[in-house]
Each structure stands twice: as C-alpha cells, then as structure tokens.
Amino acid sequence: MNKDTIEGNWKELKGRVKEQWGKLTDDRLDEIAGKREQLAGEIQQAYGVTREEAERQLKDFEASSKH
C-alpha cells in the first residue's frame, strides 16, 4: 500500500486506523485525511514513540491492510 492508496481509501481505512490507534480523535483523523506523513506524526505524538517506531507501526498496518 502506498501513499496514494492510503489517501484514496481513507474512508475505508479510517475505521481500522481508529481501532489500531484509539487515542487519535475523529477530528484529528478528519484533518489527516489519509496523509501518511501526518498520520505518522500523530501516532508519534499521541503514543510518545519515536518517528521510526511510528513508521514501523504504519508499515505493519499497511501490510495487514493489503487486499
């Protein structure tokens, strides 16, 4: 899954993102609107992890979201 896929399928993925990272509010998810870099930053901030860890979590999420 690449950047365009996240943005293009955001409406479908938003619920799964909310399940995975429940600390992210609906308002923040609406602002992110599928932008991968912003999502990584929000994960980093909300969970107090490094940028590298946030990226790893996103890669794992993307791998599990492939159809």
PDB file of N, CA and C in Angstrom:
ATOM      1  N   MET A   1       0.855  -1.163   0.000  1.00  0.00           N
ATOM      2  CA  MET A   1       0.000   0.000   0.000  1.00  0.00           C
ATOM      3  C   MET A   1       0.901   1.226   0.000  1.00  0.00           C
ATOM      4  N   ASN A   2       0.638   2.146  -0.894  1.00  0.00           N
ATOM      5  CA  ASN A   2       1.460   3.343  -0.956  1.00  0.00           C
ATOM      6  C   ASN A   2       0.663   4.559  -0.490  1.00  0.00           C
ATOM      7  N   LYS A   3       1.303   5.704  -0.539  1.00  0.00           N
ATOM      8  CA  LYS A   3       0.694   6.956  -0.078  1.00  0.00           C
ATOM      9  C   LYS A   3      -0.636   7.216  -0.766  1.00  0.00           C
ATOM     10  N   ASP A   4      -0.678   7.039  -2.072  1.00  0.00           N
ATOM     11  CA  ASP A   4      -1.908   7.286  -2.816  1.00  0.00           C
ATOM     12  C   ASP A   4      -3.024   6.343  -2.390  1.00  0.00           C
ATOM     13  N   THR A   5      -2.676   5.109  -2.077  1.00  0.00           N
ATOM     14  CA  THR A   5      -3.682   4.135  -1.650  1.00  0.00           C
ATOM     15  C   THR A   5      -4.285   4.531  -0.319  1.00  0.00           C
ATOM     16  N   ILE A   6      -3.461   5.003   0.602  1.00  0.00           N
ATOM     17  CA  ILE A   6      -3.974   5.441   1.899  1.00  0.00           C
ATOM     18  C   ILE A   6      -4.936   6.602   1.702  1.00  0.00           C
ATOM     19  N   GLU A   7      -4.532   7.593   0.910  1.00  0.00           N
ATOM     20  CA  GLU A   7      -5.396   8.741   0.686  1.00  0.00           C
ATOM     21  C   GLU A   7      -6.653   8.342  -0.072  1.00  0.00           C
ATOM     22  N   GLY A   8      -6.514   7.497  -1.072  1.00  0.00           N
ATOM     23  CA  GLY A   8      -7.649   7.106  -1.886  1.00  0.00           C
ATOM     24  C   GLY A   8      -8.652   6.239  -1.154  1.00  0.00           C
ATOM     25  N   ASN A   9      -8.178   5.446  -0.219  1.00  0.00           N
ATOM     26  CA  ASN A   9      -9.056   4.541   0.524  1.00  0.00           C
ATOM     27  C   ASN A   9      -9.292   5.016   1.953  1.00  0.00           C
ATOM     28  N   TRP A  10      -9.084   6.299   2.208  1.00  0.00           N
ATOM     29  CA  TRP A  10      -9.142   6.799   3.572  1.00  0.00           C
ATOM     30  C   TRP A  10     -10.472   6.514   4.251  1.00  0.00           C
ATOM     31  N   LYS A  11     -11.571   6.691   3.532  1.00  0.00           N
ATOM     32  CA  LYS A  11     -12.879   6.453   4.150  1.00  0.00           C
ATOM     33  C   LYS A  11     -12.997   5.008   4.628  1.00  0.00           C
ATOM     34  N   GLU A  12     -12.465   4.081   3.863  1.00  0.00           N
ATOM     35  CA  GLU A  12     -12.499   2.672   4.249  1.00  0.00           C
ATOM     36  C   GLU A  12     -11.521   2.378   5.386  1.00  0.00           C
ATOM     37  N   LEU A  13     -10.350   2.986   5.328  1.00  0.00           N
ATOM     38  CA  LEU A  13      -9.300   2.696   6.299  1.00  0.00           C
ATOM     39  C   LEU A  13      -9.456   3.440   7.616  1.00  0.00           C
ATOM     40  N   LYS A  14     -10.195   4.524   7.610  1.00  0.00           N
ATOM     41  CA  LYS A  14     -10.310   5.366   8.802  1.00  0.00           C
ATOM     42  C   LYS A  14     -10.792   4.568  10.014  1.00  0.00           C
ATOM     43  N   GLY A  15     -11.760   3.708   9.836  1.00  0.00           N
ATOM     44  CA  GLY A  15     -12.263   2.896  10.943  1.00  0.00           C
ATOM     45  C   GLY A  15     -11.199   1.951  11.482  1.00  0.00           C
ATOM     46  N   ARG A  16     -10.437   1.352  10.587  1.00  0.00           N
ATOM     47  CA  ARG A  16      -9.363   0.445  11.018  1.00  0.00           C
ATOM     48  C   ARG A  16      -8.253   1.211  11.715  1.00  0.00           C
ATOM     49  N   VAL A  17      -7.967   2.429  11.234  1.00  0.00           N
ATOM     50  CA  VAL A  17      -6.958   3.269  11.878  1.00  0.00           C
ATOM     51  C   VAL A  17      -7.421   3.601  13.294  1.00  0.00           C
ATOM     52  N   LYS A  18      -8.687   3.929  13.437  1.00  0.00           N
ATOM     53  CA  LYS A  18      -9.247   4.253  14.754  1.00  0.00           C
ATOM     54  C   LYS A  18      -9.151   3.050  15.693  1.00  0.00           C
ATOM     55  N   GLU A  19      -9.392   1.855  15.183  1.00  0.00           N
ATOM     56  CA  GLU A  19      -9.256   0.646  16.001  1.00  0.00           C
ATOM     57  C   GLU A  19      -7.802   0.429  16.422  1.00  0.00           C
ATOM     58  N   GLN A  20      -6.887   0.650  15.502  1.00  0.00           N
ATOM     59  CA  GLN A  20      -5.460   0.411  15.757  1.00  0.00           C
ATOM     60  C   GLN A  20      -4.879   1.453  16.716  1.00  0.00           C
ATOM     61  N   TRP A  21      -5.232   2.710  16.498  1.00  0.00           N
ATOM     62  CA  TRP A  21      -4.684   3.816  17.293  1.00  0.00           C
ATOM     63  C   TRP A  21      -5.840   4.613  17.887  1.00  0.00           C
ATOM     64  N   GLY A  22      -6.462   4.063  18.897  1.00  0.00           N
ATOM     65  CA  GLY A  22      -7.660   4.629  19.506  1.00  0.00           C
ATOM     66  C   GLY A  22      -7.486   5.996  20.149  1.00  0.00           C
ATOM     67  N   LYS A  23      -6.253   6.385  20.438  1.00  0.00           N
ATOM     68  CA  LYS A  23      -6.032   7.704  21.024  1.00  0.00           C
ATOM     69  C   LYS A  23      -6.223   8.828  20.018  1.00  0.00           C
ATOM     70  N   LEU A  24      -6.232   8.494  18.736  1.00  0.00           N
ATOM     71  CA  LEU A  24      -6.414   9.517  17.708  1.00  0.00           C
ATOM     72  C   LEU A  24      -7.897   9.847  17.606  1.00  0.00           C
ATOM     73  N   THR A  25      -8.228  11.107  17.754  1.00  0.00           N
ATOM     74  CA  THR A  25      -9.631  11.523  17.752  1.00  0.00           C
ATOM     75  C   THR A  25     -10.177  11.578  16.327  1.00  0.00           C
ATOM     76  N   ASP A  26     -11.490  11.533  16.229  1.00  0.00           N
ATOM     77  CA  ASP A  26     -12.134  11.650  14.917  1.00  0.00           C
ATOM     78  C   ASP A  26     -11.779  12.973  14.249  1.00  0.00           C
ATOM     79  N   ASP A  27     -11.715  14.040  15.025  1.00  0.00           N
ATOM     80  CA  ASP A  27     -11.355  15.342  14.458  1.00  0.00           C
ATOM     81  C   ASP A  27      -9.963  15.312  13.850  1.00  0.00           C
ATOM     82  N   ARG A  28      -9.009  14.715  14.561  1.00  0.00           N
ATOM     83  CA  ARG A  28      -7.642  14.633  14.038  1.00  0.00           C
ATOM     84  C   ARG A  28      -7.602  13.741  12.796  1.00  0.00           C
ATOM     85  N   LEU A  29      -8.342  12.644  12.828  1.00  0.00           N
ATOM     86  CA  LEU A  29      -8.367  11.751  11.664  1.00  0.00           C
ATOM     87  C   LEU A  29      -8.975  12.454  10.464  1.00  0.00           C
ATOM     88  N   ASP A  30      -9.982  13.294  10.697  1.00  0.00           N
ATOM     89  CA  ASP A  30     -10.570  14.064   9.595  1.00  0.00           C
ATOM     90  C   ASP A  30      -9.557  15.050   9.025  1.00  0.00           C
ATOM     91  N   GLU A  31      -8.765  15.670   9.885  1.00  0.00           N
ATOM     92  CA  GLU A  31      -7.740  16.605   9.423  1.00  0.00           C
ATOM     93  C   GLU A  31      -6.629  15.887   8.670  1.00  0.00           C
ATOM     94  N   ILE A  32      -6.264  14.709   9.118  1.00  0.00           N
ATOM     95  CA  ILE A  32      -5.212  13.929   8.458  1.00  0.00           C
ATOM     96  C   ILE A  32      -5.642  13.548   7.050  1.00  0.00           C
ATOM     97  N   ALA A  33      -6.898  13.136   6.915  1.00  0.00           N
ATOM     98  CA  ALA A  33      -7.497  12.815   5.612  1.00  0.00           C
ATOM     99  C   ALA A  33      -6.643  11.886   4.759  1.00  0.00           C
ATOM    100  N   GLY A  34      -5.984  10.917   5.400  1.00  0.00           N
ATOM    101  CA  GLY A  34      -5.230   9.919   4.653  1.00  0.00           C
ATOM    102  C   GLY A  34      -3.799  10.281   4.355  1.00  0.00           C
ATOM    103  N   LYS A  35      -3.340  11.414   4.808  1.00  0.00           N
ATOM    104  CA  LYS A  35      -1.952  11.813   4.543  1.00  0.00           C
ATOM    105  C   LYS A  35      -1.031  11.036   5.478  1.00  0.00           C
ATOM    106  N   ARG A  36      -0.228  10.189   4.890  1.00  0.00           N
ATOM    107  CA  ARG A  36       0.597   9.244   5.646  1.00  0.00           C
ATOM    108  C   ARG A  36       1.558   9.942   6.604  1.00  0.00           C
ATOM    109  N   GLU A  37       2.224  10.982   6.147  1.00  0.00           N
ATOM    110  CA  GLU A  37       3.194  11.681   6.992  1.00  0.00           C
ATOM    111  C   GLU A  37       2.511  12.287   8.215  1.00  0.00           C
ATOM    112  N   GLN A  38       1.338  12.862   8.026  1.00  0.00           N
ATOM    113  CA  GLN A  38       0.606  13.429   9.154  1.00  0.00           C
ATOM    114  C   GLN A  38       0.154  12.334  10.105  1.00  0.00           C
ATOM    115  N   LEU A  39      -0.270  11.204   9.566  1.00  0.00           N
ATOM    116  CA  LEU A  39      -0.691  10.092  10.410  1.00  0.00           C
ATOM    117  C   LEU A  39       0.469   9.595  11.250  1.00  0.00           C
ATOM    118  N   ALA A  40       1.642   9.464  10.655  1.00  0.00           N
ATOM    119  CA  ALA A  40       2.823   9.029  11.413  1.00  0.00           C
ATOM    120  C   ALA A  40       3.140  10.021  12.522  1.00  0.00           C
ATOM    121  N   GLY A  41       3.034  11.303  12.234  1.00  0.00           N
ATOM    122  CA  GLY A  41       3.290  12.321  13.241  1.00  0.00           C
ATOM    123  C   GLY A  41       2.297  12.265  14.385  1.00  0.00           C
ATOM    124  N   GLU A  42       1.041  12.023  14.065  1.00  0.00           N
ATOM    125  CA  GLU A  42       0.015  11.924  15.098  1.00  0.00           C
ATOM    126  C   GLU A  42       0.228  10.693  15.978  1.00  0.00           C
ATOM    127  N   ILE A  43       0.611   9.588  15.368  1.00  0.00           N
ATOM    128  CA  ILE A  43       0.904   8.373  16.136  1.00  0.00           C
ATOM    129  C   ILE A  43       2.075   8.647  17.073  1.00  0.00           C
ATOM    130  N   GLN A  44       3.105   9.284  16.539  1.00  0.00           N
ATOM    131  CA  GLN A  44       4.283   9.605  17.328  1.00  0.00           C
ATOM    132  C   GLN A  44       3.905  10.463  18.534  1.00  0.00           C
ATOM    133  N   GLN A  45       3.122  11.478  18.307  1.00  0.00           N
ATOM    134  CA  GLN A  45       2.758  12.399  19.382  1.00  0.00           C
ATOM    135  C   GLN A  45       1.810  11.750  20.388  1.00  0.00           C
ATOM    136  N   ALA A  46       0.773  11.091  19.914  1.00  0.00           N
ATOM    137  CA  ALA A  46      -0.239  10.529  20.809  1.00  0.00           C
ATOM    138  C   ALA A  46       0.301   9.402  21.675  1.00  0.00           C
ATOM    139  N   TYR A  47       1.245   8.633  21.133  1.00  0.00           N
ATOM    140  CA  TYR A  47       1.741   7.462  21.852  1.00  0.00           C
ATOM    141  C   TYR A  47       3.149   7.635  22.412  1.00  0.00           C
ATOM    142  N   GLY A  48       3.758   8.782  22.178  1.00  0.00           N
ATOM    143  CA  GLY A  48       5.089   9.033  22.730  1.00  0.00           C
ATOM    144  C   GLY A  48       6.150   8.085  22.218  1.00  0.00           C
ATOM    145  N   VAL A  49       6.065   7.748  20.935  1.00  0.00           N
ATOM    146  CA  VAL A  49       7.054   6.857  20.328  1.00  0.00           C
ATOM    147  C   VAL A  49       7.934   7.662  19.379  1.00  0.00           C
ATOM    148  N   THR A  50       9.042   7.064  18.983  1.00  0.00           N
ATOM    149  CA  THR A  50       9.935   7.715  18.029  1.00  0.00           C
ATOM    150  C   THR A  50       9.292   7.725  16.641  1.00  0.00           C
ATOM    151  N   ARG A  51       9.826   8.568  15.792  1.00  0.00           N
ATOM    152  CA  ARG A  51       9.336   8.628  14.409  1.00  0.00           C
ATOM    153  C   ARG A  51       9.528   7.265  13.736  1.00  0.00           C
ATOM    154  N   GLU A  52      10.652   6.621  14.023  1.00  0.00           N
ATOM    155  CA  GLU A  52      10.944   5.320  13.434  1.00  0.00           C
ATOM    156  C   GLU A  52       9.915   4.280  13.877  1.00  0.00           C
ATOM    157  N   GLU A  53       9.543   4.324  15.155  1.00  0.00           N
ATOM    158  CA  GLU A  53       8.537   3.384  15.660  1.00  0.00           C
ATOM    159  C   GLU A  53       7.178   3.657  15.033  1.00  0.00           C
ATOM    160  N   ALA A  54       6.822   4.916  14.888  1.00  0.00           N
ATOM    161  CA  ALA A  54       5.552   5.259  14.252  1.00  0.00           C
ATOM    162  C   ALA A  54       5.527   4.752  12.808  1.00  0.00           C
ATOM    163  N   GLU A  55       6.640   4.919  12.100  1.00  0.00           N
ATOM    164  CA  GLU A  55       6.742   4.430  10.721  1.00  0.00           C
ATOM    165  C   GLU A  55       6.640   2.907  10.681  1.00  0.00           C
ATOM    166  N   ARG A  56       7.272   2.224  11.637  1.00  0.00           N
ATOM    167  CA  ARG A  56       7.200   0.762  11.685  1.00  0.00           C
ATOM    168  C   ARG A  56       5.759   0.313  11.908  1.00  0.00           C
ATOM    169  N   GLN A  57       5.067   0.972  12.817  1.00  0.00           N
ATOM    170  CA  GLN A  57       3.677   0.623  13.078  1.00  0.00           C
ATOM    171  C   GLN A  57       2.817   0.837  11.830  1.00  0.00           C
ATOM    172  N   LEU A  58       3.071   1.922  11.121  1.00  0.00           N
ATOM    173  CA  LEU A  58       2.318   2.185   9.889  1.00  0.00           C
ATOM    174  C   LEU A  58       2.605   1.134   8.824  1.00  0.00           C
ATOM    175  N   LYS A  59       3.867   0.744   8.694  1.00  0.00           N
ATOM    176  CA  LYS A  59       4.216  -0.291   7.715  1.00  0.00           C
ATOM    177  C   LYS A  59       3.516  -1.608   8.052  1.00  0.00           C
ATOM    178  N   ASP A  60       3.490  -1.955   9.344  1.00  0.00           N
ATOM    179  CA  ASP A  60       2.794  -3.168   9.766  1.00  0.00           C
ATOM    180  C   ASP A  60       1.303  -3.071   9.455  1.00  0.00           C
ATOM    181  N   PHE A  61       0.730  -1.904   9.708  1.00  0.00           N
ATOM    182  CA  PHE A  61      -0.691  -1.677   9.428  1.00  0.00           C
ATOM    183  C   PHE A  61      -0.957  -1.803   7.930  1.00  0.00           C
ATOM    184  N   GLU A  62      -0.115  -1.187   7.135  1.00  0.00           N
ATOM    185  CA  GLU A  62      -0.285  -1.251   5.685  1.00  0.00           C
ATOM    186  C   GLU A  62      -0.197  -2.693   5.181  1.00  0.00           C
ATOM    187  N   ALA A  63       0.757  -3.438   5.714  1.00  0.00           N
ATOM    188  CA  ALA A  63       0.908  -4.835   5.295  1.00  0.00           C
ATOM    189  C   ALA A  63      -0.335  -5.650   5.649  1.00  0.00           C
ATOM    190  N   SER A  64      -0.919  -5.378   6.798  1.00  0.00           N
ATOM    191  CA  SER A  64      -2.099  -6.123   7.201  1.00  0.00           C
ATOM    192  C   SER A  64      -3.350  -5.659   6.467  1.00  0.00           C
ATOM    193  N   SER A  65      -3.289  -4.499   5.826  1.00  0.00           N
ATOM    194  CA  SER A  65      -4.447  -3.940   5.134  1.00  0.00           C
ATOM    195  C   SER A  65      -4.479  -4.270   3.655  1.00  0.00           C
ATOM    196  N   LYS A  66      -3.444  -4.938   3.168  1.00  0.00           N
ATOM    197  CA  LYS A  66      -3.424  -5.295   1.737  1.00  0.00           C
ATOM    198  C   LYS A  66      -4.539  -6.282   1.449  1.00  0.00           C
ATOM    199  N   HIS A  67      -5.177  -6.068   0.327  1.00  0.00           N
ATOM    200  CA  HIS A  67      -6.296  -6.955  -0.066  1.00  0.00           C
ATOM    201  C   HIS A  67      -5.840  -7.934  -1.097  1.00  0.00           C
TER     202      HIS A  67
END
